[in-house]
């Protein structure tokens, strides 16, 4: 669903079509994403348009990056051990 909003605002109907989910399921997902601060919305006529708020994702990226570096170091050590044992 976040991928569908990367290029800009989208209405629930557009998000339902892009994701293959029902309107109800999309609305439930959007409520959770809004609560998490990952999407925001505005009204345009009869439509509620949703847009991605990517700021909080930078925190997730930083957290994941720590673990990626950890595993890269571990895998390098493992590779050296395997190569040394040949």
N, C-alpha and C. Protein backbone atom coordinates (compact mmCIF):
# COMPACT_ATOMS: atom_id res chain seq x y z
N UNK A 1 0.82 -1.18 0.00
CA UNK A 1 0.00 0.00 0.00
C UNK A 1 0.87 1.26 0.00
N UNK A 2 1.95 1.22 0.77
CA UNK A 2 2.86 2.37 0.78
C UNK A 2 3.46 2.58 -0.60
N UNK A 3 3.78 1.50 -1.29
CA UNK A 3 4.33 1.61 -2.64
C UNK A 3 3.38 2.34 -3.57
N UNK A 4 2.08 2.12 -3.39
CA UNK A 4 1.08 2.76 -4.26
C UNK A 4 1.02 4.27 -4.03
N UNK A 5 1.52 4.73 -2.88
CA UNK A 5 1.48 6.17 -2.57
C UNK A 5 2.82 6.86 -2.80
N UNK A 6 3.83 6.12 -3.23
CA UNK A 6 5.15 6.71 -3.44
C UNK A 6 5.09 7.80 -4.51
N UNK A 7 4.29 7.58 -5.56
CA UNK A 7 4.24 8.54 -6.66
C UNK A 7 3.30 9.71 -6.38
N UNK A 8 2.58 9.68 -5.28
CA UNK A 8 1.70 10.80 -4.94
C UNK A 8 0.45 10.34 -4.21
N UNK A 9 -0.48 11.27 -4.10
CA UNK A 9 -1.71 11.00 -3.37
C UNK A 9 -2.57 9.97 -4.10
N UNK A 10 -3.36 9.25 -3.31
CA UNK A 10 -4.25 8.25 -3.89
C UNK A 10 -5.51 8.15 -3.04
N UNK A 11 -6.62 7.92 -3.71
CA UNK A 11 -7.90 7.70 -3.03
C UNK A 11 -8.02 6.23 -2.64
N UNK A 12 -8.93 5.93 -1.76
CA UNK A 12 -9.13 4.57 -1.28
C UNK A 12 -9.39 3.62 -2.45
N UNK A 13 -10.20 4.06 -3.41
CA UNK A 13 -10.51 3.23 -4.57
C UNK A 13 -9.27 2.86 -5.37
N UNK A 14 -8.38 3.84 -5.55
CA UNK A 14 -7.13 3.58 -6.27
C UNK A 14 -6.26 2.58 -5.51
N UNK A 15 -6.21 2.76 -4.20
CA UNK A 15 -5.40 1.86 -3.36
C UNK A 15 -5.99 0.45 -3.34
N UNK A 16 -7.31 0.36 -3.34
CA UNK A 16 -7.96 -0.95 -3.36
C UNK A 16 -7.64 -1.66 -4.67
N UNK A 17 -7.72 -0.92 -5.78
CA UNK A 17 -7.42 -1.51 -7.08
C UNK A 17 -5.96 -1.94 -7.17
N UNK A 18 -5.05 -1.09 -6.69
CA UNK A 18 -3.61 -1.39 -6.76
C UNK A 18 -3.23 -2.58 -5.89
N UNK A 19 -3.89 -2.72 -4.76
CA UNK A 19 -3.52 -3.78 -3.81
C UNK A 19 -4.33 -5.06 -3.96
N UNK A 20 -5.48 -4.97 -4.64
CA UNK A 20 -6.35 -6.14 -4.76
C UNK A 20 -7.17 -6.40 -3.51
N UNK A 21 -7.17 -5.45 -2.58
CA UNK A 21 -7.94 -5.58 -1.35
C UNK A 21 -9.29 -4.88 -1.48
N UNK A 22 -10.19 -5.19 -0.58
CA UNK A 22 -11.49 -4.52 -0.57
C UNK A 22 -11.35 -3.11 -0.02
N UNK A 23 -12.35 -2.27 -0.29
CA UNK A 23 -12.34 -0.91 0.26
C UNK A 23 -12.23 -0.95 1.77
N UNK A 24 -12.98 -1.87 2.37
CA UNK A 24 -12.98 -2.00 3.82
C UNK A 24 -11.59 -2.34 4.35
N UNK A 25 -10.94 -3.31 3.71
CA UNK A 25 -9.60 -3.71 4.15
C UNK A 25 -8.61 -2.56 3.98
N UNK A 26 -8.71 -1.85 2.85
CA UNK A 26 -7.82 -0.70 2.62
C UNK A 26 -8.05 0.36 3.69
N UNK A 27 -9.30 0.64 4.00
CA UNK A 27 -9.61 1.64 5.03
C UNK A 27 -9.03 1.24 6.38
N UNK A 28 -9.11 -0.04 6.71
CA UNK A 28 -8.53 -0.51 7.97
C UNK A 28 -7.01 -0.35 7.97
N UNK A 29 -6.38 -0.70 6.86
CA UNK A 29 -4.93 -0.54 6.75
C UNK A 29 -4.53 0.93 6.87
N UNK A 30 -5.29 1.80 6.19
CA UNK A 30 -4.98 3.23 6.23
C UNK A 30 -5.13 3.79 7.64
N UNK A 31 -6.12 3.33 8.37
CA UNK A 31 -6.30 3.79 9.76
C UNK A 31 -5.07 3.44 10.60
N UNK A 32 -4.55 2.24 10.41
CA UNK A 32 -3.36 1.81 11.16
C UNK A 32 -2.14 2.61 10.72
N UNK A 33 -2.00 2.81 9.40
CA UNK A 33 -0.86 3.58 8.89
C UNK A 33 -0.92 5.03 9.34
N UNK A 34 -2.13 5.59 9.43
CA UNK A 34 -2.28 6.98 9.94
C UNK A 34 -1.87 7.05 11.40
N UNK A 35 -2.31 6.07 12.17
CA UNK A 35 -1.98 6.02 13.60
C UNK A 35 -0.47 5.92 13.79
N UNK A 36 0.20 5.22 12.88
CA UNK A 36 1.66 5.06 12.96
C UNK A 36 2.39 6.27 12.39
N UNK A 37 1.65 7.22 11.83
CA UNK A 37 2.28 8.42 11.27
C UNK A 37 2.88 8.22 9.90
N UNK A 38 2.52 7.12 9.23
CA UNK A 38 3.09 6.82 7.92
C UNK A 38 2.29 7.38 6.75
N UNK A 39 1.04 7.73 6.99
CA UNK A 39 0.23 8.37 5.95
C UNK A 39 -0.53 9.54 6.55
N UNK A 40 -0.87 10.47 5.69
CA UNK A 40 -1.70 11.60 6.06
C UNK A 40 -2.78 11.71 4.98
N UNK A 41 -3.80 12.49 5.23
CA UNK A 41 -4.86 12.59 4.24
C UNK A 41 -5.40 14.02 4.19
N UNK A 42 -6.09 14.27 3.09
CA UNK A 42 -6.80 15.54 2.93
C UNK A 42 -8.04 15.26 2.08
N UNK A 43 -9.03 16.10 2.27
CA UNK A 43 -10.27 15.95 1.52
C UNK A 43 -10.17 16.80 0.26
N UNK A 44 -10.59 16.22 -0.86
CA UNK A 44 -10.69 16.95 -2.13
C UNK A 44 -12.04 16.59 -2.73
N UNK A 45 -12.98 17.50 -2.58
CA UNK A 45 -14.34 17.22 -3.02
C UNK A 45 -14.93 16.09 -2.20
N UNK A 46 -15.41 15.06 -2.87
CA UNK A 46 -15.99 13.90 -2.18
C UNK A 46 -14.94 12.87 -1.80
N UNK A 47 -13.72 13.06 -2.24
CA UNK A 47 -12.67 12.05 -2.02
C UNK A 47 -11.73 12.42 -0.89
N UNK A 48 -11.31 11.40 -0.19
CA UNK A 48 -10.26 11.52 0.82
C UNK A 48 -8.99 11.02 0.15
N UNK A 49 -7.99 11.88 0.02
CA UNK A 49 -6.75 11.50 -0.63
C UNK A 49 -5.69 11.22 0.42
N UNK A 50 -4.99 10.13 0.26
CA UNK A 50 -3.96 9.72 1.20
C UNK A 50 -2.59 9.87 0.57
N UNK A 51 -1.63 10.27 1.40
CA UNK A 51 -0.26 10.42 0.91
C UNK A 51 0.71 9.84 1.93
N UNK A 52 1.82 9.38 1.42
CA UNK A 52 2.87 8.78 2.24
C UNK A 52 3.59 9.86 3.03
N UNK A 53 3.82 9.61 4.29
CA UNK A 53 4.66 10.45 5.15
C UNK A 53 5.89 9.61 5.47
N UNK A 54 6.94 9.76 4.70
CA UNK A 54 8.09 8.86 4.77
C UNK A 54 9.02 9.14 5.94
N UNK A 55 8.87 10.24 6.63
CA UNK A 55 9.76 10.58 7.74
C UNK A 55 9.97 9.46 8.74
N UNK A 56 8.91 8.86 9.27
CA UNK A 56 9.11 7.78 10.24
C UNK A 56 9.85 6.58 9.68
N UNK A 57 9.82 6.40 8.37
CA UNK A 57 10.53 5.27 7.77
C UNK A 57 12.04 5.42 7.89
N UNK A 58 12.53 6.66 8.02
CA UNK A 58 13.98 6.86 8.17
C UNK A 58 14.44 6.27 9.51
N UNK A 59 13.60 6.32 10.52
CA UNK A 59 13.94 5.70 11.81
C UNK A 59 14.04 4.18 11.67
N UNK A 60 13.12 3.60 10.92
CA UNK A 60 13.14 2.15 10.68
C UNK A 60 14.40 1.80 9.89
N UNK A 61 14.70 2.61 8.89
CA UNK A 61 15.88 2.35 8.07
C UNK A 61 17.15 2.37 8.92
N UNK A 62 17.27 3.34 9.80
CA UNK A 62 18.45 3.44 10.66
C UNK A 62 18.56 2.22 11.58
N UNK A 63 17.43 1.77 12.09
CA UNK A 63 17.42 0.61 12.98
C UNK A 63 17.83 -0.64 12.22
N UNK A 64 17.27 -0.84 11.04
CA UNK A 64 17.59 -2.01 10.22
C UNK A 64 19.04 -1.96 9.77
N UNK A 65 19.54 -0.78 9.46
CA UNK A 65 20.92 -0.61 9.00
C UNK A 65 21.92 -1.13 10.03
N UNK A 66 21.63 -0.91 11.30
CA UNK A 66 22.52 -1.43 12.36
C UNK A 66 22.67 -2.93 12.25
N UNK A 67 21.56 -3.61 12.07
CA UNK A 67 21.57 -5.06 11.98
C UNK A 67 22.17 -5.55 10.67
N UNK A 68 21.98 -4.81 9.62
CA UNK A 68 22.59 -5.18 8.34
C UNK A 68 24.11 -5.15 8.46
N UNK A 69 24.64 -4.10 9.07
CA UNK A 69 26.09 -4.02 9.28
C UNK A 69 26.58 -5.17 10.17
N UNK A 70 25.82 -5.48 11.21
CA UNK A 70 26.17 -6.58 12.10
C UNK A 70 26.28 -7.88 11.31
N UNK A 71 25.26 -8.19 10.49
CA UNK A 71 25.27 -9.45 9.74
C UNK A 71 26.33 -9.46 8.65
N UNK A 72 26.60 -8.33 8.05
CA UNK A 72 27.67 -8.28 7.05
C UNK A 72 29.01 -8.62 7.69
N UNK A 73 29.26 -8.07 8.87
CA UNK A 73 30.51 -8.37 9.58
C UNK A 73 30.58 -9.85 9.94
N UNK A 74 29.47 -10.40 10.42
CA UNK A 74 29.44 -11.82 10.78
C UNK A 74 29.70 -12.70 9.57
N UNK A 75 29.08 -12.38 8.44
CA UNK A 75 29.26 -13.18 7.24
C UNK A 75 30.69 -13.09 6.71
N UNK A 76 31.31 -11.92 6.82
CA UNK A 76 32.71 -11.78 6.41
C UNK A 76 33.61 -12.65 7.28
N UNK A 77 33.33 -12.66 8.59
CA UNK A 77 34.11 -13.52 9.49
C UNK A 77 33.93 -14.99 9.15
N UNK A 78 32.70 -15.38 8.89
CA UNK A 78 32.41 -16.76 8.53
C UNK A 78 33.13 -17.13 7.23
N UNK A 79 33.10 -16.25 6.27
CA UNK A 79 33.79 -16.51 5.00
C UNK A 79 35.29 -16.72 5.23
N UNK A 80 35.89 -15.87 6.06
CA UNK A 80 37.32 -16.02 6.36
C UNK A 80 37.60 -17.35 7.05
N UNK A 81 36.75 -17.74 7.98
CA UNK A 81 36.91 -19.03 8.66
C UNK A 81 36.82 -20.20 7.70
N UNK A 82 35.85 -20.15 6.82
CA UNK A 82 35.66 -21.22 5.85
C UNK A 82 36.86 -21.29 4.91
N UNK A 83 37.29 -20.14 4.43
CA UNK A 83 38.44 -20.12 3.52
C UNK A 83 39.72 -20.57 4.22
N UNK A 84 39.88 -20.25 5.50
CA UNK A 84 41.08 -20.65 6.25
C UNK A 84 41.10 -22.15 6.52
N UNK A 85 39.91 -22.77 6.58
CA UNK A 85 39.86 -24.19 6.91
C UNK A 85 40.03 -25.08 5.68
N UNK A 86 40.16 -24.52 4.52
CA UNK A 86 40.31 -25.32 3.29
C UNK A 86 41.69 -25.84 3.14
